[in-house]
Amino acid sequence: MPTQLDALKQLSLVVADTGDLDAIRRYQPQDATTNPSLILKAFELPGYQTLIDEVLASVKVMGSERQIQVEQAVDELAVAMGTEIARVVPGRVSTEVAAKLSFDTQASIRKAQELIERYQRHGISKDRVLIKLASTWEGIRAAEVLEKAGIQCNLTLLFSDAQAQACFDAGVFLVSPFVGRVTDWYKQATGQDFTAENDPGVQFVRGVCQRVRQGGYDTVVMGASFRNTGQVLALAGCPRLTISPALLEELDATQGEVARGIVMEGDSSQQPAPLTEPKFRWGHNQDAMANDKLAEGIRRFAEDQERLEALIADRLATL
């Protein structure tokens, strides 16, 4: 009998939600996704210490002022780690634009272009990279420009139907609706525990998939932010699922068949009119959970970016 991970891979493309190369090699995902939180964890991984020192030494040689060195090091480290991951996975690596740019369309576009240029200098073509942007109105507009320029994007921190629809309208390659954080909010708000079938996060991602199918959109849906394997298995059939090493290990250690939870095939109806900015903002505003979790998510990523910059500054001082 196959493991649940093997069975899941027959229904969904599995993505590793980690920068740990050992875990990526062990579970053999198609893609991998990173963010500042995961890069921060790399400072604790022995396998990355030489790479970190090499990147920081190369940045220090440039002789810029310290803050510029730190900013350059963050980007170069993200790309250097992404390059190592790209040598292990057959598919793509997602690399995130800094959360502090989430409300600046032009700055997000420039940063995405800089990241792609850095990847190309490392020998990784842009078709192996997805640029991660927060699903703000400004982030979605940046993604629209980048997609037209041939730079494909992964829109993250997605919690509302308005965010999803705006991403579809913009022709975004991939969206990452969150499961666990949605459920966390409803659990705290109601005091209720949920099964996999009535789980609000699972239901939200199923709704996003249904919207894609009914509208005939090309955007890929990738469920993200899982709290347990029950949530993962309930979304079997979602085009992609990004899963942490702990849950990958649990799935790989459990034998059993996996039932399809989502069907993406079917006739598509006429697409709704694209959302205007006022309609987007109003639709998102009406979802209290989505407002709370988007703002919280941006703050958390920004805080991790600041901690990463502090670690880099300390390490630069010792070189």
C-alpha atoms as a PDB file:
ATOM      1  CA  MET A   1       0.000   0.000   0.000  1.00  0.00           C
ATOM      2  CA  PRO A   2       1.404   3.462  -0.846  1.00  0.00           C
ATOM      3  CA  THR A   3       2.125   6.116   1.722  1.00  0.00           C
ATOM      4  CA  GLN A   4      -0.311   8.993   1.960  1.00  0.00           C
ATOM      5  CA  LEU A   5       2.386  11.258   0.535  1.00  0.00           C
ATOM      6  CA  ASP A   6       2.819   9.068  -2.536  1.00  0.00           C
ATOM      7  CA  ALA A   7      -0.948   8.853  -2.976  1.00  0.00           C
ATOM      8  CA  LEU A   8      -1.297  12.614  -2.563  1.00  0.00           C
ATOM      9  CA  LYS A   9       1.308  13.209  -5.264  1.00  0.00           C
ATOM     10  CA  GLN A  10      -0.980  11.388  -7.710  1.00  0.00           C
ATOM     11  CA  LEU A  11      -3.684  14.034  -7.146  1.00  0.00           C
ATOM     12  CA  SER A  12      -1.790  17.265  -6.404  1.00  0.00           C
ATOM     13  CA  LEU A  13       1.635  18.687  -7.164  1.00  0.00           C
ATOM     14  CA  VAL A  14       3.471  18.765  -3.830  1.00  0.00           C
ATOM     15  CA  VAL A  15       5.599  21.785  -2.950  1.00  0.00           C
ATOM     16  CA  ALA A  16       8.004  21.914   0.000  1.00  0.00           C
ATOM     17  CA  ASP A  17       7.315  24.823   2.347  1.00  0.00           C
ATOM     18  CA  THR A  18      10.924  24.980   3.536  1.00  0.00           C
ATOM     19  CA  GLY A  19      14.443  25.985   2.607  1.00  0.00           C
ATOM     20  CA  ASP A  20      15.941  22.894   4.277  1.00  0.00           C
ATOM     21  CA  LEU A  21      17.801  21.085   1.492  1.00  0.00           C
ATOM     22  CA  ASP A  22      17.905  17.795   3.401  1.00  0.00           C
ATOM     23  CA  ALA A  23      14.112  17.807   3.774  1.00  0.00           C
ATOM     24  CA  ILE A  24      13.671  18.719   0.113  1.00  0.00           C
ATOM     25  CA  ARG A  25      15.903  15.836  -0.981  1.00  0.00           C
ATOM     26  CA  ARG A  26      14.072  13.445   1.346  1.00  0.00           C
ATOM     27  CA  TYR A  27      10.524  14.184   0.190  1.00  0.00           C
ATOM     28  CA  GLN A  28      11.268  15.039  -3.467  1.00  0.00           C
ATOM     29  CA  PRO A  29       8.706  17.793  -4.053  1.00  0.00           C
ATOM     30  CA  GLN A  30       8.220  19.322  -7.489  1.00  0.00           C
ATOM     31  CA  ASP A  31       8.702  22.913  -6.289  1.00  0.00           C
ATOM     32  CA  ALA A  32       9.819  24.742  -3.166  1.00  0.00           C
ATOM     33  CA  THR A  33       8.695  28.028  -1.663  1.00  0.00           C
ATOM     34  CA  THR A  34      10.607  30.341   0.648  1.00  0.00           C
ATOM     35  CA  ASN A  35       9.929  33.516   2.642  1.00  0.00           C
ATOM     36  CA  PRO A  36      11.877  35.637   5.156  1.00  0.00           C
ATOM     37  CA  SER A  37      10.764  33.368   8.009  1.00  0.00           C
ATOM     38  CA  LEU A  38      12.248  30.318   6.300  1.00  0.00           C
ATOM     39  CA  ILE A  39      15.449  32.142   5.349  1.00  0.00           C
ATOM     40  CA  LEU A  40      15.775  33.187   8.982  1.00  0.00           C
ATOM     41  CA  LYS A  41      15.633  29.513   9.977  1.00  0.00           C
ATOM     42  CA  ALA A  42      18.503  28.794   7.552  1.00  0.00           C
ATOM     43  CA  PHE A  43      20.833  30.593   9.949  1.00  0.00           C
ATOM     44  CA  GLU A  44      20.288  27.618  12.287  1.00  0.00           C
ATOM     45  CA  LEU A  45      20.992  24.968   9.627  1.00  0.00           C
ATOM     46  CA  PRO A  46      24.601  23.697   9.437  1.00  0.00           C
ATOM     47  CA  GLY A  47      24.318  23.080   5.703  1.00  0.00           C
ATOM     48  CA  TYR A  48      23.880  26.778   4.957  1.00  0.00           C
ATOM     49  CA  GLN A  49      26.652  28.288   7.100  1.00  0.00           C
ATOM     50  CA  THR A  50      29.343  28.236   4.398  1.00  0.00           C
ATOM     51  CA  LEU A  51      26.954  29.726   1.859  1.00  0.00           C
ATOM     52  CA  ILE A  52      25.930  32.485   4.277  1.00  0.00           C
ATOM     53  CA  ASP A  53      29.562  33.388   4.992  1.00  0.00           C
ATOM     54  CA  GLU A  54      30.403  33.431   1.273  1.00  0.00           C
ATOM     55  CA  VAL A  55      27.461  35.686   0.449  1.00  0.00           C
ATOM     56  CA  LEU A  56      28.212  38.121   3.262  1.00  0.00           C
ATOM     57  CA  ALA A  57      31.913  38.238   2.404  1.00  0.00           C
ATOM     58  CA  SER A  58      31.114  39.021  -1.228  1.00  0.00           C
ATOM     59  CA  VAL A  59      28.749  41.814  -0.193  1.00  0.00           C
ATOM     60  CA  LYS A  60      31.289  43.301   2.213  1.00  0.00           C
ATOM     61  CA  VAL A  61      33.902  43.447  -0.546  1.00  0.00           C
ATOM     62  CA  MET A  62      31.647  45.888  -2.415  1.00  0.00           C
ATOM     63  CA  GLY A  63      32.430  48.507   0.220  1.00  0.00           C
ATOM     64  CA  SER A  64      28.970  50.073   0.486  1.00  0.00           C
ATOM     65  CA  GLU A  65      27.671  51.620   3.684  1.00  0.00           C
ATOM     66  CA  ARG A  66      26.425  49.125   6.235  1.00  0.00           C
ATOM     67  CA  GLN A  67      22.657  49.472   5.660  1.00  0.00           C
ATOM     68  CA  ILE A  68      23.097  49.055   1.900  1.00  0.00           C
ATOM     69  CA  GLN A  69      25.303  46.018   2.539  1.00  0.00           C
ATOM     70  CA  VAL A  70      22.571  44.504   4.707  1.00  0.00           C
ATOM     71  CA  GLU A  71      19.865  45.085   2.087  1.00  0.00           C
ATOM     72  CA  GLN A  72      22.060  43.660  -0.655  1.00  0.00           C
ATOM     73  CA  ALA A  73      22.908  40.671   1.533  1.00  0.00           C
ATOM     74  CA  VAL A  74      19.226  39.871   2.161  1.00  0.00           C
ATOM     75  CA  ASP A  75      18.516  39.753  -1.580  1.00  0.00           C
ATOM     76  CA  GLU A  76      21.690  37.900  -2.451  1.00  0.00           C
ATOM     77  CA  LEU A  77      21.153  35.368   0.321  1.00  0.00           C
ATOM     78  CA  ALA A  78      17.563  34.729  -0.789  1.00  0.00           C
ATOM     79  CA  VAL A  79      18.742  34.162  -4.344  1.00  0.00           C
ATOM     80  CA  ALA A  80      21.753  32.056  -3.331  1.00  0.00           C
ATOM     81  CA  MET A  81      19.499  29.811  -1.239  1.00  0.00           C
ATOM     82  CA  GLY A  82      16.951  29.713  -4.035  1.00  0.00           C
ATOM     83  CA  THR A  83      19.698  28.694  -6.451  1.00  0.00           C
ATOM     84  CA  GLU A  84      20.714  25.784  -4.214  1.00  0.00           C
ATOM     85  CA  ILE A  85      17.076  24.711  -3.987  1.00  0.00           C
ATOM     86  CA  ALA A  86      16.622  25.022  -7.763  1.00  0.00           C
ATOM     87  CA  ARG A  87      19.455  22.523  -8.199  1.00  0.00           C
ATOM     88  CA  VAL A  88      17.479  19.995  -6.151  1.00  0.00           C
ATOM     89  CA  VAL A  89      13.863  20.438  -7.266  1.00  0.00           C
ATOM     90  CA  PRO A  90      12.847  19.851 -10.890  1.00  0.00           C
ATOM     91  CA  GLY A  91      10.354  22.725 -10.876  1.00  0.00           C
ATOM     92  CA  ARG A  92      10.321  26.253  -9.504  1.00  0.00           C
ATOM     93  CA  VAL A  93      11.438  28.210  -6.476  1.00  0.00           C
ATOM     94  CA  SER A  94       9.295  31.009  -5.049  1.00  0.00           C
ATOM     95  CA  THR A  95      11.239  34.024  -3.768  1.00  0.00           C
ATOM     96  CA  GLU A  96       9.544  36.810  -1.856  1.00  0.00           C
ATOM     97  CA  VAL A  97       9.585  40.566  -2.330  1.00  0.00           C
ATOM     98  CA  ALA A  98      10.059  42.296   1.048  1.00  0.00           C
ATOM     99  CA  ALA A  99       6.806  42.738   2.960  1.00  0.00           C
ATOM    100  CA  LYS A 100       7.547  46.431   3.551  1.00  0.00           C
ATOM    101  CA  LEU A 101       6.947  46.952  -0.198  1.00  0.00           C
ATOM    102  CA  SER A 102       3.445  45.444  -0.058  1.00  0.00           C
ATOM    103  CA  PHE A 103       1.770  48.807  -0.685  1.00  0.00           C
ATOM    104  CA  ASP A 104       4.236  50.141  -3.279  1.00  0.00           C
ATOM    105  CA  THR A 105       3.578  48.838  -6.784  1.00  0.00           C
ATOM    106  CA  GLN A 106       6.581  50.389  -8.524  1.00  0.00           C
ATOM    107  CA  ALA A 107       9.049  49.423  -5.791  1.00  0.00           C
ATOM    108  CA  SER A 108       7.716  45.855  -5.885  1.00  0.00           C
ATOM    109  CA  ILE A 109       8.229  45.704  -9.647  1.00  0.00           C
ATOM    110  CA  ARG A 110      11.807  46.989  -9.344  1.00  0.00           C
ATOM    111  CA  LYS A 111      12.642  44.544  -6.567  1.00  0.00           C
ATOM    112  CA  ALA A 112      11.193  41.615  -8.546  1.00  0.00           C
ATOM    113  CA  GLN A 113      13.281  42.571 -11.562  1.00  0.00           C
ATOM    114  CA  GLU A 114      16.397  42.817  -9.389  1.00  0.00           C
ATOM    115  CA  LEU A 115      15.754  39.351  -7.945  1.00  0.00           C
ATOM    116  CA  ILE A 116      15.324  37.848 -11.412  1.00  0.00           C
ATOM    117  CA  GLU A 117      18.547  39.516 -12.575  1.00  0.00           C
ATOM    118  CA  ARG A 118      20.372  38.064  -9.576  1.00  0.00           C
ATOM    119  CA  TYR A 119      19.018  34.591 -10.384  1.00  0.00           C
ATOM    120  CA  GLN A 120      20.144  34.927 -13.978  1.00  0.00           C
ATOM    121  CA  ARG A 121      23.669  35.805 -12.799  1.00  0.00           C
ATOM    122  CA  HIS A 122      23.572  32.531 -10.836  1.00  0.00           C
ATOM    123  CA  GLY A 123      22.569  30.659 -13.987  1.00  0.00           C
ATOM    124  CA  ILE A 124      18.889  30.220 -13.046  1.00  0.00           C
ATOM    125  CA  SER A 125      16.486  31.353 -15.752  1.00  0.00           C
ATOM    126  CA  LYS A 126      13.335  33.295 -14.900  1.00  0.00           C
ATOM    127  CA  ASP A 127      11.129  30.350 -15.870  1.00  0.00           C
ATOM    128  CA  ARG A 128      12.474  28.508 -12.798  1.00  0.00           C
ATOM    129  CA  VAL A 129      11.436  31.302 -10.410  1.00  0.00           C
ATOM    130  CA  LEU A 130       8.145  32.594  -9.049  1.00  0.00           C
ATOM    131  CA  ILE A 131       8.146  36.052  -7.478  1.00  0.00           C
ATOM    132  CA  LYS A 132       6.092  36.088  -4.276  1.00  0.00           C
ATOM    133  CA  LEU A 133       4.051  39.183  -3.552  1.00  0.00           C
ATOM    134  CA  ALA A 134       1.449  39.923  -0.894  1.00  0.00           C
ATOM    135  CA  SER A 135      -2.111  39.955  -2.273  1.00  0.00           C
ATOM    136  CA  THR A 136      -2.684  43.653  -1.648  1.00  0.00           C
ATOM    137  CA  TRP A 137      -4.178  45.783  -4.429  1.00  0.00           C
ATOM    138  CA  GLU A 138      -0.690  47.205  -5.037  1.00  0.00           C
ATOM    139  CA  GLY A 139       0.931  43.767  -5.026  1.00  0.00           C
ATOM    140  CA  ILE A 140      -1.615  42.456  -7.518  1.00  0.00           C
ATOM    141  CA  ARG A 141      -1.012  45.445  -9.815  1.00  0.00           C
ATOM    142  CA  ALA A 142       2.738  44.767  -9.641  1.00  0.00           C
ATOM    143  CA  ALA A 143       2.108  41.133 -10.529  1.00  0.00           C
ATOM    144  CA  GLU A 144       0.005  42.161 -13.514  1.00  0.00           C
ATOM    145  CA  VAL A 145       2.915  44.202 -14.921  1.00  0.00           C
ATOM    146  CA  LEU A 146       5.452  41.470 -14.176  1.00  0.00           C
ATOM    147  CA  GLU A 147       3.324  38.731 -15.763  1.00  0.00           C
ATOM    148  CA  LYS A 148       3.089  40.767 -18.979  1.00  0.00           C
ATOM    149  CA  ALA A 149       6.895  41.048 -18.931  1.00  0.00           C
ATOM    150  CA  GLY A 150       7.270  37.269 -18.660  1.00  0.00           C
ATOM    151  CA  ILE A 151       8.024  37.171 -14.914  1.00  0.00           C
ATOM    152  CA  GLN A 152       5.537  34.825 -13.283  1.00  0.00           C
ATOM    153  CA  CYS A 153       4.259  35.435  -9.772  1.00  0.00           C
ATOM    154  CA  ASN A 154       2.980  33.694  -6.660  1.00  0.00           C
ATOM    155  CA  LEU A 155       0.466  35.862  -4.777  1.00  0.00           C
ATOM    156  CA  THR A 156       0.604  34.995  -1.105  1.00  0.00           C
ATOM    157  CA  LEU A 157      -1.281  35.995   2.066  1.00  0.00           C
ATOM    158  CA  LEU A 158      -4.558  35.433   0.245  1.00  0.00           C
ATOM    159  CA  PHE A 159      -7.601  35.293   2.542  1.00  0.00           C
ATOM    160  CA  SER A 160     -10.609  36.774   0.718  1.00  0.00           C
ATOM    161  CA  ASP A 161     -12.681  36.173  -2.384  1.00  0.00           C
ATOM    162  CA  ALA A 162     -11.912  39.739  -3.469  1.00  0.00           C
ATOM    163  CA  GLN A 163      -8.180  39.054  -3.372  1.00  0.00           C
ATOM    164  CA  ALA A 164      -8.639  35.850  -5.358  1.00  0.00           C
ATOM    165  CA  GLN A 165     -10.818  37.478  -8.010  1.00  0.00           C
ATOM    166  CA  ALA A 166      -8.421  40.407  -8.456  1.00  0.00           C
ATOM    167  CA  CYS A 167      -5.556  37.942  -8.948  1.00  0.00           C
ATOM    168  CA  PHE A 168      -7.523  36.064 -11.604  1.00  0.00           C
ATOM    169  CA  ASP A 169      -8.379  39.348 -13.328  1.00  0.00           C
ATOM    170  CA  ALA A 170      -4.680  40.282 -13.380  1.00  0.00           C
ATOM    171  CA  GLY A 171      -3.626  37.002 -15.008  1.00  0.00           C
ATOM    172  CA  VAL A 172      -1.482  35.942 -12.052  1.00  0.00           C
ATOM    173  CA  PHE A 173       0.261  32.589 -12.569  1.00  0.00           C
ATOM    174  CA  LEU A 174      -0.309  31.206  -9.053  1.00  0.00           C
ATOM    175  CA  VAL A 175      -2.171  32.123  -5.871  1.00  0.00           C
ATOM    176  CA  SER A 176      -1.549  30.749  -2.381  1.00  0.00           C
ATOM    177  CA  PRO A 177      -4.772  30.844  -0.334  1.00  0.00           C
ATOM    178  CA  PHE A 178      -4.001  30.130   3.303  1.00  0.00           C
ATOM    179  CA  VAL A 179      -5.717  27.350   5.207  1.00  0.00           C
ATOM    180  CA  GLY A 180      -4.380  27.245   8.747  1.00  0.00           C
ATOM    181  CA  ARG A 181      -4.433  30.976   9.408  1.00  0.00           C
ATOM    182  CA  VAL A 182      -8.054  31.198   8.257  1.00  0.00           C
ATOM    183  CA  THR A 183      -9.007  28.379  10.607  1.00  0.00           C
ATOM    184  CA  ASP A 184      -6.984  29.927  13.453  1.00  0.00           C
ATOM    185  CA  TRP A 185      -9.042  33.119  13.180  1.00  0.00           C
ATOM    186  CA  TYR A 186     -12.397  31.335  13.226  1.00  0.00           C
ATOM    187  CA  LYS A 187     -11.325  29.071  16.064  1.00  0.00           C
ATOM    188  CA  GLN A 188     -10.359  32.067  18.164  1.00  0.00           C
ATOM    189  CA  ALA A 189     -13.489  34.001  17.180  1.00  0.00           C
ATOM    190  CA  THR A 190     -15.934  31.163  17.885  1.00  0.00           C
ATOM    191  CA  GLY A 191     -14.144  28.925  20.362  1.00  0.00           C
ATOM    192  CA  GLN A 192     -15.089  26.027  18.096  1.00  0.00           C
ATOM    193  CA  ASP A 193     -12.921  23.112  16.989  1.00  0.00           C
ATOM    194  CA  PHE A 194     -13.350  21.991  13.405  1.00  0.00           C
ATOM    195  CA  THR A 195     -13.144  18.705  11.552  1.00  0.00           C
ATOM    196  CA  ALA A 196     -11.470  18.551   8.152  1.00  0.00           C
ATOM    197  CA  GLU A 197     -14.826  18.702   6.412  1.00  0.00           C
ATOM    198  CA  ASN A 198     -16.210  21.781   8.171  1.00  0.00           C
ATOM    199  CA  ASP A 199     -12.824  23.488   8.481  1.00  0.00           C
ATOM    200  CA  PRO A 200     -13.180  27.157   7.384  1.00  0.00           C
ATOM    201  CA  GLY A 201      -9.714  27.218   5.800  1.00  0.00           C
ATOM    202  CA  VAL A 202     -10.409  24.086   3.788  1.00  0.00           C
ATOM    203  CA  GLN A 203     -13.761  25.489   2.670  1.00  0.00           C
ATOM    204  CA  PHE A 204     -12.124  28.765   1.636  1.00  0.00           C
ATOM    205  CA  VAL A 205      -9.547  27.039  -0.589  1.00  0.00           C
ATOM    206  CA  ARG A 206     -12.243  24.836  -2.102  1.00  0.00           C
ATOM    207  CA  GLY A 207     -14.152  28.011  -2.928  1.00  0.00           C
ATOM    208  CA  VAL A 208     -11.105  29.531  -4.636  1.00  0.00           C
ATOM    209  CA  CYS A 209     -10.704  26.378  -6.723  1.00  0.00           C
ATOM    210  CA  GLN A 210     -14.392  26.482  -7.639  1.00  0.00           C
ATOM    211  CA  ARG A 211     -14.065  30.119  -8.733  1.00  0.00           C
ATOM    212  CA  VAL A 212     -11.113  29.198 -10.980  1.00  0.00           C
ATOM    213  CA  ARG A 213     -13.006  26.299 -12.511  1.00  0.00           C
ATOM    214  CA  GLN A 214     -16.226  28.194 -13.099  1.00  0.00           C
ATOM    215  CA  GLY A 215     -14.462  31.206 -14.590  1.00  0.00           C
ATOM    216  CA  GLY A 216     -12.110  29.183 -16.758  1.00  0.00           C
ATOM    217  CA  TYR A 217      -9.078  31.055 -15.385  1.00  0.00           C
ATOM    218  CA  ASP A 218      -5.523  29.856 -15.994  1.00  0.00           C
ATOM    219  CA  THR A 219      -4.340  30.790 -12.498  1.00  0.00           C
ATOM    220  CA  VAL A 220      -2.931  27.868 -10.486  1.00  0.00           C
ATOM    221  CA  VAL A 221      -4.249  27.427  -6.924  1.00  0.00           C
ATOM    222  CA  MET A 222      -1.784  26.283  -4.270  1.00  0.00           C
ATOM    223  CA  GLY A 223      -3.172  25.599  -0.802  1.00  0.00           C
ATOM    224  CA  ALA A 224      -0.780  26.833   1.914  1.00  0.00           C
ATOM    225  CA  SER A 225      -0.369  27.256   5.681  1.00  0.00           C
ATOM    226  CA  PHE A 226      -1.524  23.867   6.937  1.00  0.00           C
ATOM    227  CA  ARG A 227      -1.903  23.007  10.604  1.00  0.00           C
ATOM    228  CA  ASN A 228      -2.422  19.248  10.265  1.00  0.00           C
ATOM    229  CA  THR A 229      -2.522  16.452   7.699  1.00  0.00           C
ATOM    230  CA  GLY A 230      -6.319  16.349   7.848  1.00  0.00           C
ATOM    231  CA  GLN A 231      -6.418  19.772   6.210  1.00  0.00           C
ATOM    232  CA  VAL A 232      -3.891  18.661   3.586  1.00  0.00           C
ATOM    233  CA  LEU A 233      -5.767  15.485   2.681  1.00  0.00           C
ATOM    234  CA  ALA A 234      -9.123  17.295   2.539  1.00  0.00           C
ATOM    235  CA  LEU A 235      -7.652  19.395  -0.299  1.00  0.00           C
ATOM    236  CA  ALA A 236      -6.257  16.486  -2.341  1.00  0.00           C
ATOM    237  CA  GLY A 237      -6.861  17.401  -5.967  1.00  0.00           C
ATOM    238  CA  CYS A 238      -6.039  21.086  -5.466  1.00  0.00           C
ATOM    239  CA  PRO A 239      -3.494  21.754  -8.240  1.00  0.00           C
ATOM    240  CA  ARG A 240      -0.647  22.408  -5.781  1.00  0.00           C
ATOM    241  CA  LEU A 241      -0.168  22.088  -2.033  1.00  0.00           C
ATOM    242  CA  THR A 242       2.801  23.606  -0.180  1.00  0.00           C
ATOM    243  CA  ILE A 243       3.507  21.539   2.916  1.00  0.00           C
ATOM    244  CA  SER A 244       5.943  21.878   5.830  1.00  0.00           C
ATOM    245  CA  PRO A 245       8.578  19.170   6.483  1.00  0.00           C
ATOM    246  CA  ALA A 246       6.825  18.041   9.682  1.00  0.00           C
ATOM    247  CA  LEU A 247       3.583  17.317   7.828  1.00  0.00           C
ATOM    248  CA  LEU A 248       5.442  15.799   4.857  1.00  0.00           C
ATOM    249  CA  GLU A 249       7.112  13.429   7.308  1.00  0.00           C
ATOM    250  CA  GLU A 250       3.761  12.472   8.845  1.00  0.00           C
ATOM    251  CA  LEU A 251       2.226  11.829   5.420  1.00  0.00           C
ATOM    252  CA  ASP A 252       5.256   9.806   4.363  1.00  0.00           C
ATOM    253  CA  ALA A 253       5.072   7.681   7.516  1.00  0.00           C
ATOM    254  CA  THR A 254       1.379   6.819   7.084  1.00  0.00           C
ATOM    255  CA  GLN A 255       0.135   4.227   4.632  1.00  0.00           C
ATOM    256  CA  GLY A 256      -3.232   4.556   2.983  1.00  0.00           C
ATOM    257  CA  GLU A 257      -5.186   5.679  -0.035  1.00  0.00           C
ATOM    258  CA  VAL A 258      -6.123   9.330  -0.444  1.00  0.00           C
ATOM    259  CA  ALA A 259      -9.543  10.365  -1.724  1.00  0.00           C
ATOM    260  CA  ARG A 260      -9.866  13.314  -4.072  1.00  0.00           C
ATOM    261  CA  GLY A 261     -11.288  16.300  -2.213  1.00  0.00           C
ATOM    262  CA  ILE A 262     -11.320  18.768  -5.115  1.00  0.00           C
ATOM    263  CA  VAL A 263     -12.243  18.290  -8.761  1.00  0.00           C
ATOM    264  CA  MET A 264     -10.872  20.973 -11.075  1.00  0.00           C
ATOM    265  CA  GLU A 265     -12.389  19.732 -14.338  1.00  0.00           C
ATOM    266  CA  GLY A 266     -15.760  20.905 -15.612  1.00  0.00           C
ATOM    267  CA  ASP A 267     -17.477  23.394 -17.841  1.00  0.00           C
ATOM    268  CA  SER A 268     -16.632  27.024 -17.219  1.00  0.00           C
ATOM    269  CA  SER A 269     -19.214  29.757 -17.271  1.00  0.00           C
ATOM    270  CA  GLN A 270     -18.778  33.372 -18.276  1.00  0.00           C
ATOM    271  CA  GLN A 271     -16.229  35.275 -16.222  1.00  0.00           C
ATOM    272  CA  PRO A 272     -17.475  38.132 -14.053  1.00  0.00           C
ATOM    273  CA  ALA A 273     -16.445  41.704 -14.863  1.00  0.00           C
ATOM    274  CA  PRO A 274     -12.975  42.548 -13.489  1.00  0.00           C
ATOM    275  CA  LEU A 275     -12.989  44.130 -10.044  1.00  0.00           C
ATOM    276  CA  THR A 276     -12.334  47.848  -9.860  1.00  0.00           C
ATOM    277  CA  GLU A 277     -10.145  49.121  -7.032  1.00  0.00           C
ATOM    278  CA  PRO A 278     -13.151  50.444  -5.028  1.00  0.00           C
ATOM    279  CA  LYS A 279     -14.990  47.122  -5.397  1.00  0.00           C
ATOM    280  CA  PHE A 280     -11.857  45.198  -4.429  1.00  0.00           C
ATOM    281  CA  ARG A 281     -11.279  47.292  -1.347  1.00  0.00           C
ATOM    282  CA  TRP A 282     -14.947  47.132  -0.313  1.00  0.00           C
ATOM    283  CA  GLY A 283     -15.177  43.371  -0.873  1.00  0.00           C
ATOM    284  CA  HIS A 284     -12.015  42.738   1.119  1.00  0.00           C
ATOM    285  CA  ASN A 285     -13.092  45.192   3.817  1.00  0.00           C
ATOM    286  CA  GLN A 286     -16.312  43.247   4.384  1.00  0.00           C
ATOM    287  CA  ASP A 287     -14.354  40.146   5.406  1.00  0.00           C
ATOM    288  CA  ALA A 288     -13.119  40.776   8.960  1.00  0.00           C
ATOM    289  CA  MET A 289     -11.002  37.629   9.004  1.00  0.00           C
ATOM    290  CA  ALA A 290      -9.254  38.526   5.737  1.00  0.00           C
ATOM    291  CA  ASN A 291      -8.525  42.067   6.916  1.00  0.00           C
ATOM    292  CA  ASP A 292      -7.036  40.846  10.178  1.00  0.00           C
ATOM    293  CA  LYS A 293      -4.954  38.040   8.683  1.00  0.00           C
ATOM    294  CA  LEU A 294      -3.574  40.012   5.732  1.00  0.00           C
ATOM    295  CA  ALA A 295      -2.400  42.833   7.995  1.00  0.00           C
ATOM    296  CA  GLU A 296      -1.008  40.389  10.545  1.00  0.00           C
ATOM    297  CA  GLY A 297       0.765  38.366   7.851  1.00  0.00           C
ATOM    298  CA  ILE A 298       2.472  41.427   6.382  1.00  0.00           C
ATOM    299  CA  ARG A 299       3.582  42.517   9.857  1.00  0.00           C
ATOM    300  CA  ARG A 300       4.953  39.059  10.661  1.00  0.00           C
ATOM    301  CA  PHE A 301       6.955  38.827   7.440  1.00  0.00           C
ATOM    302  CA  ALA A 302       8.252  42.372   8.000  1.00  0.00           C
ATOM    303  CA  GLU A 303       9.294  41.493  11.560  1.00  0.00           C
ATOM    304  CA  ASP A 304      11.137  38.397  10.335  1.00  0.00           C
ATOM    305  CA  GLN A 305      12.823  40.521   7.664  1.00  0.00           C
ATOM    306  CA  GLU A 306      13.997  42.923  10.374  1.00  0.00           C
ATOM    307  CA  ARG A 307      15.335  40.038  12.481  1.00  0.00           C
ATOM    308  CA  LEU A 308      17.104  38.660   9.418  1.00  0.00           C
ATOM    309  CA  GLU A 309      18.659  42.045   8.698  1.00  0.00           C
ATOM    310  CA  ALA A 310      19.843  42.283  12.327  1.00  0.00           C
ATOM    311  CA  LEU A 311      21.468  38.841  12.137  1.00  0.00           C
ATOM    312  CA  ILE A 312      23.172  39.785   8.889  1.00  0.00           C
ATOM    313  CA  ALA A 313      24.420  43.075  10.328  1.00  0.00           C
ATOM    314  CA  ASP A 314      25.907  41.251  13.335  1.00  0.00           C
ATOM    315  CA  ARG A 315      27.556  38.664  11.102  1.00  0.00           C
ATOM    316  CA  LEU A 316      28.940  41.307   8.755  1.00  0.00           C
ATOM    317  CA  ALA A 317      30.560  42.996  11.728  1.00  0.00           C
ATOM    318  CA  THR A 318      32.586  39.841  12.458  1.00  0.00           C
ATOM    319  CA  LEU A 319      33.928  39.423   8.917  1.00  0.00           C
END
